[in-house]
N, C-alpha and C. Protein backbone atom coordinates (compact mmCIF):
# COMPACT_ATOMS: atom_id res chain seq x y z
N MET A 1 131.86 110.88 90.30
CA MET A 1 130.59 110.23 90.62
C MET A 1 130.01 109.68 89.31
N THR A 2 129.58 108.43 89.34
CA THR A 2 129.00 107.84 88.14
C THR A 2 127.65 108.45 87.85
N THR A 3 127.20 108.27 86.61
CA THR A 3 125.89 108.81 86.22
C THR A 3 124.79 108.24 87.08
N THR A 4 124.85 106.94 87.37
CA THR A 4 123.82 106.30 88.20
C THR A 4 123.81 106.89 89.60
N LYS A 5 124.99 107.04 90.20
CA LYS A 5 125.06 107.61 91.55
C LYS A 5 124.59 109.05 91.55
N LYS A 6 124.93 109.81 90.51
CA LYS A 6 124.52 111.19 90.43
C LYS A 6 123.00 111.28 90.32
N ALA A 7 122.40 110.44 89.47
CA ALA A 7 120.94 110.43 89.31
C ALA A 7 120.28 110.06 90.64
N TRP A 8 120.85 109.10 91.35
CA TRP A 8 120.27 108.70 92.64
C TRP A 8 120.41 109.84 93.64
N ALA A 9 121.55 110.51 93.66
CA ALA A 9 121.73 111.63 94.59
C ALA A 9 120.72 112.73 94.29
N ASN A 10 120.49 113.00 93.00
CA ASN A 10 119.50 114.01 92.63
C ASN A 10 118.10 113.59 93.06
N SER A 11 117.75 112.32 92.87
CA SER A 11 116.42 111.85 93.27
C SER A 11 116.29 111.90 94.79
N ARG A 12 117.38 111.66 95.48
CA ARG A 12 117.37 111.70 96.94
C ARG A 12 117.08 113.13 97.42
N LEU A 13 117.66 114.10 96.75
CA LEU A 13 117.38 115.49 97.11
C LEU A 13 115.91 115.82 96.88
N LYS A 14 115.37 115.35 95.79
CA LYS A 14 113.97 115.59 95.50
C LYS A 14 113.09 114.91 96.55
N PHE A 15 113.49 113.71 96.98
CA PHE A 15 112.72 113.01 98.00
C PHE A 15 112.72 113.80 99.31
N SER A 16 113.87 114.37 99.66
CA SER A 16 113.90 115.15 100.89
C SER A 16 112.97 116.36 100.79
N ASP A 17 112.81 116.90 99.59
CA ASP A 17 111.85 117.98 99.39
C ASP A 17 110.42 117.48 99.61
N LEU A 18 110.14 116.26 99.17
CA LEU A 18 108.80 115.68 99.37
C LEU A 18 108.48 115.53 100.85
N CYS A 19 109.50 115.25 101.63
CA CYS A 19 109.29 115.01 103.06
C CYS A 19 108.71 116.21 103.78
N VAL A 20 108.86 117.38 103.23
CA VAL A 20 108.30 118.57 103.85
C VAL A 20 106.78 118.48 103.88
N SER A 21 106.18 117.88 102.84
CA SER A 21 104.72 117.81 102.73
C SER A 21 104.13 116.45 103.11
N ALA A 22 104.96 115.45 103.28
CA ALA A 22 104.46 114.09 103.55
C ALA A 22 103.80 114.00 104.93
N LEU A 23 102.67 113.34 105.00
CA LEU A 23 101.96 113.17 106.27
C LEU A 23 102.67 112.22 107.22
N CYS A 24 103.56 111.39 106.70
CA CYS A 24 104.23 110.41 107.55
C CYS A 24 105.40 111.00 108.33
N VAL A 25 105.80 112.22 108.02
CA VAL A 25 106.90 112.84 108.76
C VAL A 25 106.51 112.90 110.23
N GLY A 26 107.39 112.40 111.06
CA GLY A 26 107.11 112.34 112.50
C GLY A 26 106.55 110.99 112.93
N HIS A 27 106.29 110.12 111.96
CA HIS A 27 105.76 108.78 112.25
C HIS A 27 106.74 107.70 111.82
N GLU A 28 108.02 108.03 111.80
CA GLU A 28 109.03 107.09 111.32
C GLU A 28 109.03 105.77 112.09
N GLU A 29 108.75 105.83 113.40
CA GLU A 29 108.73 104.60 114.20
C GLU A 29 107.61 103.67 113.76
N ASP A 30 106.55 104.21 113.16
CA ASP A 30 105.47 103.38 112.65
C ASP A 30 105.80 102.83 111.26
N ILE A 31 106.53 103.61 110.47
CA ILE A 31 106.85 103.22 109.11
C ILE A 31 108.03 102.26 109.07
N TYR A 32 108.98 102.43 109.97
CA TYR A 32 110.16 101.58 110.05
C TYR A 32 110.27 100.98 111.45
N PRO A 33 109.35 100.10 111.82
CA PRO A 33 109.37 99.54 113.19
C PRO A 33 110.55 98.60 113.39
N ALA A 34 110.89 98.37 114.65
CA ALA A 34 112.02 97.51 114.99
C ALA A 34 111.86 96.09 114.45
N ASN A 35 110.61 95.61 114.36
CA ASN A 35 110.41 94.24 113.88
C ASN A 35 110.44 94.14 112.36
N GLY A 36 110.58 95.28 111.67
CA GLY A 36 110.73 95.27 110.22
C GLY A 36 109.45 95.25 109.42
N ARG A 37 108.31 95.14 110.06
CA ARG A 37 107.02 95.10 109.35
C ARG A 37 106.12 96.25 109.76
N PRO A 38 105.94 97.24 108.87
CA PRO A 38 105.06 98.35 109.21
C PRO A 38 103.62 97.88 109.38
N PRO A 39 102.89 98.44 110.32
CA PRO A 39 101.48 98.06 110.47
C PRO A 39 100.66 98.60 109.31
N LYS A 40 99.64 97.90 108.94
CA LYS A 40 98.76 98.32 107.84
C LYS A 40 98.06 99.64 108.14
N THR A 41 97.96 100.01 109.42
CA THR A 41 97.26 101.25 109.75
C THR A 41 97.96 102.47 109.15
N VAL A 42 99.28 102.43 109.01
CA VAL A 42 100.01 103.55 108.40
C VAL A 42 99.52 103.74 106.97
N GLN A 43 99.46 102.65 106.23
CA GLN A 43 99.03 102.70 104.84
C GLN A 43 97.57 103.13 104.72
N LYS A 44 96.75 102.74 105.66
CA LYS A 44 95.31 103.02 105.57
C LYS A 44 94.94 104.40 106.11
N LYS A 45 95.67 104.90 107.10
CA LYS A 45 95.31 106.18 107.72
C LYS A 45 96.06 107.37 107.12
N LEU A 46 97.34 107.24 106.93
CA LEU A 46 98.14 108.39 106.48
C LEU A 46 98.24 108.50 104.96
N CYS A 47 98.58 107.43 104.32
CA CYS A 47 98.89 107.49 102.89
C CYS A 47 97.73 107.94 101.99
N PRO A 48 96.52 107.47 102.19
CA PRO A 48 95.45 107.88 101.27
C PRO A 48 95.22 109.39 101.23
N GLN A 49 95.54 110.09 102.30
CA GLN A 49 95.31 111.53 102.39
C GLN A 49 96.56 112.34 102.07
N CYS A 50 97.67 111.69 101.86
CA CYS A 50 98.95 112.37 101.71
C CYS A 50 99.04 113.09 100.35
N PRO A 51 99.44 114.37 100.38
CA PRO A 51 99.53 115.13 99.14
C PRO A 51 100.68 114.72 98.23
N VAL A 52 101.64 113.96 98.74
CA VAL A 52 102.79 113.54 97.92
C VAL A 52 102.85 112.02 97.77
N ARG A 53 101.71 111.37 97.91
CA ARG A 53 101.68 109.90 97.84
C ARG A 53 102.26 109.37 96.52
N GLN A 54 101.81 109.91 95.40
CA GLN A 54 102.29 109.40 94.11
C GLN A 54 103.78 109.69 93.91
N GLN A 55 104.23 110.85 94.32
CA GLN A 55 105.65 111.18 94.21
C GLN A 55 106.51 110.26 95.07
N CYS A 56 106.00 109.91 96.22
CA CYS A 56 106.69 108.99 97.13
C CYS A 56 106.86 107.62 96.46
N LEU A 57 105.79 107.12 95.88
CA LEU A 57 105.86 105.82 95.20
C LEU A 57 106.79 105.91 94.00
N ASP A 58 106.66 106.98 93.22
CA ASP A 58 107.53 107.15 92.05
C ASP A 58 109.00 107.16 92.46
N TRP A 59 109.30 107.85 93.56
CA TRP A 59 110.68 107.89 94.04
C TRP A 59 111.16 106.49 94.42
N ALA A 60 110.34 105.77 95.15
CA ALA A 60 110.73 104.43 95.60
C ALA A 60 110.96 103.49 94.43
N LEU A 61 110.19 103.64 93.37
CA LEU A 61 110.31 102.73 92.23
C LEU A 61 111.43 103.14 91.26
N SER A 62 111.91 104.37 91.36
CA SER A 62 112.96 104.82 90.44
C SER A 62 114.33 104.87 91.10
N SER A 63 114.39 104.71 92.41
CA SER A 63 115.63 104.78 93.17
C SER A 63 116.18 103.38 93.41
N PRO A 64 117.42 103.29 93.91
CA PRO A 64 117.93 101.97 94.30
C PRO A 64 116.96 101.31 95.27
N TYR A 65 116.82 100.01 95.14
CA TYR A 65 115.82 99.26 95.91
C TYR A 65 115.94 99.50 97.41
N GLU A 66 114.83 99.89 98.02
CA GLU A 66 114.72 100.11 99.47
C GLU A 66 113.76 99.06 100.00
N PRO A 67 114.25 98.04 100.71
CA PRO A 67 113.39 96.92 101.10
C PRO A 67 112.51 97.16 102.32
N TYR A 68 112.61 98.31 102.95
CA TYR A 68 111.87 98.52 104.19
C TYR A 68 110.90 99.68 104.09
N GLY A 69 109.83 99.60 104.86
CA GLY A 69 108.94 100.73 105.01
C GLY A 69 107.73 100.72 104.10
N VAL A 70 107.01 101.82 104.16
CA VAL A 70 105.81 102.06 103.36
C VAL A 70 106.16 103.15 102.36
N TRP A 71 105.81 102.94 101.11
CA TRP A 71 106.12 103.90 100.06
C TRP A 71 104.88 104.13 99.23
N GLY A 72 104.37 105.35 99.22
CA GLY A 72 103.22 105.69 98.39
C GLY A 72 101.97 104.90 98.72
N GLY A 73 101.85 104.47 99.95
CA GLY A 73 100.67 103.72 100.37
C GLY A 73 100.78 102.22 100.18
N PHE A 74 101.94 101.75 99.76
CA PHE A 74 102.14 100.32 99.54
C PHE A 74 103.16 99.79 100.53
N GLY A 75 102.92 98.58 101.02
CA GLY A 75 103.84 97.93 101.95
C GLY A 75 105.06 97.40 101.23
N GLN A 76 106.04 96.97 102.01
CA GLN A 76 107.31 96.56 101.44
C GLN A 76 107.21 95.39 100.47
N ASP A 77 106.32 94.45 100.69
CA ASP A 77 106.19 93.33 99.75
C ASP A 77 105.63 93.79 98.41
N GLU A 78 104.67 94.71 98.46
CA GLU A 78 104.08 95.24 97.22
C GLU A 78 105.09 96.09 96.46
N VAL A 79 105.83 96.92 97.19
CA VAL A 79 106.84 97.77 96.55
C VAL A 79 107.93 96.91 95.94
N ARG A 80 108.32 95.87 96.65
CA ARG A 80 109.36 94.95 96.13
C ARG A 80 108.93 94.37 94.79
N ALA A 81 107.70 93.88 94.71
CA ALA A 81 107.21 93.29 93.46
C ALA A 81 107.19 94.32 92.33
N MET A 82 106.71 95.54 92.64
CA MET A 82 106.67 96.59 91.62
C MET A 82 108.08 97.00 91.19
N TRP A 83 109.00 97.12 92.16
CA TRP A 83 110.36 97.55 91.85
C TRP A 83 111.04 96.55 90.93
N PHE A 84 110.96 95.27 91.28
CA PHE A 84 111.63 94.26 90.47
C PHE A 84 110.97 94.08 89.11
N SER A 85 109.68 94.39 88.98
CA SER A 85 109.05 94.33 87.64
C SER A 85 109.54 95.48 86.77
N ARG A 86 109.91 96.60 87.38
CA ARG A 86 110.46 97.75 86.63
C ARG A 86 111.96 97.62 86.37
N HIS A 87 112.63 96.78 87.14
CA HIS A 87 114.07 96.62 87.02
C HIS A 87 114.41 95.14 86.82
N PRO A 88 113.97 94.56 85.70
CA PRO A 88 114.23 93.13 85.48
C PRO A 88 115.73 92.83 85.47
N GLY A 89 116.10 91.72 86.04
CA GLY A 89 117.50 91.33 86.09
C GLY A 89 118.24 91.87 87.30
N SER A 90 117.62 92.75 88.06
CA SER A 90 118.25 93.31 89.26
C SER A 90 118.11 92.32 90.40
N ARG A 91 119.01 92.43 91.35
CA ARG A 91 118.96 91.60 92.54
C ARG A 91 119.03 92.48 93.76
N ALA A 92 118.35 92.06 94.81
CA ALA A 92 118.42 92.81 96.08
C ALA A 92 119.82 92.67 96.64
N GLY A 93 120.35 93.76 97.18
CA GLY A 93 121.70 93.77 97.71
C GLY A 93 121.81 93.39 99.12
């Protein structure tokens, strides 16, 4: 396993630990809807009160680019902009 893949696997394990405390657990259909665009209500109702909001965003910005869903209270367009500013020269796969 390459160092990058190993680091991602480790971050993935940490993310699964975050899911135990995340308020969005059980609301996956709202966060990842069939039409690909999460409603703003998820970000406004669940994320501001979530005890792992910052860790969720940190995970999303340090892991391989995930183009879908809500991460740390930010929608996919906002996360995309932040991710690519942290990973200059990267391209979406």
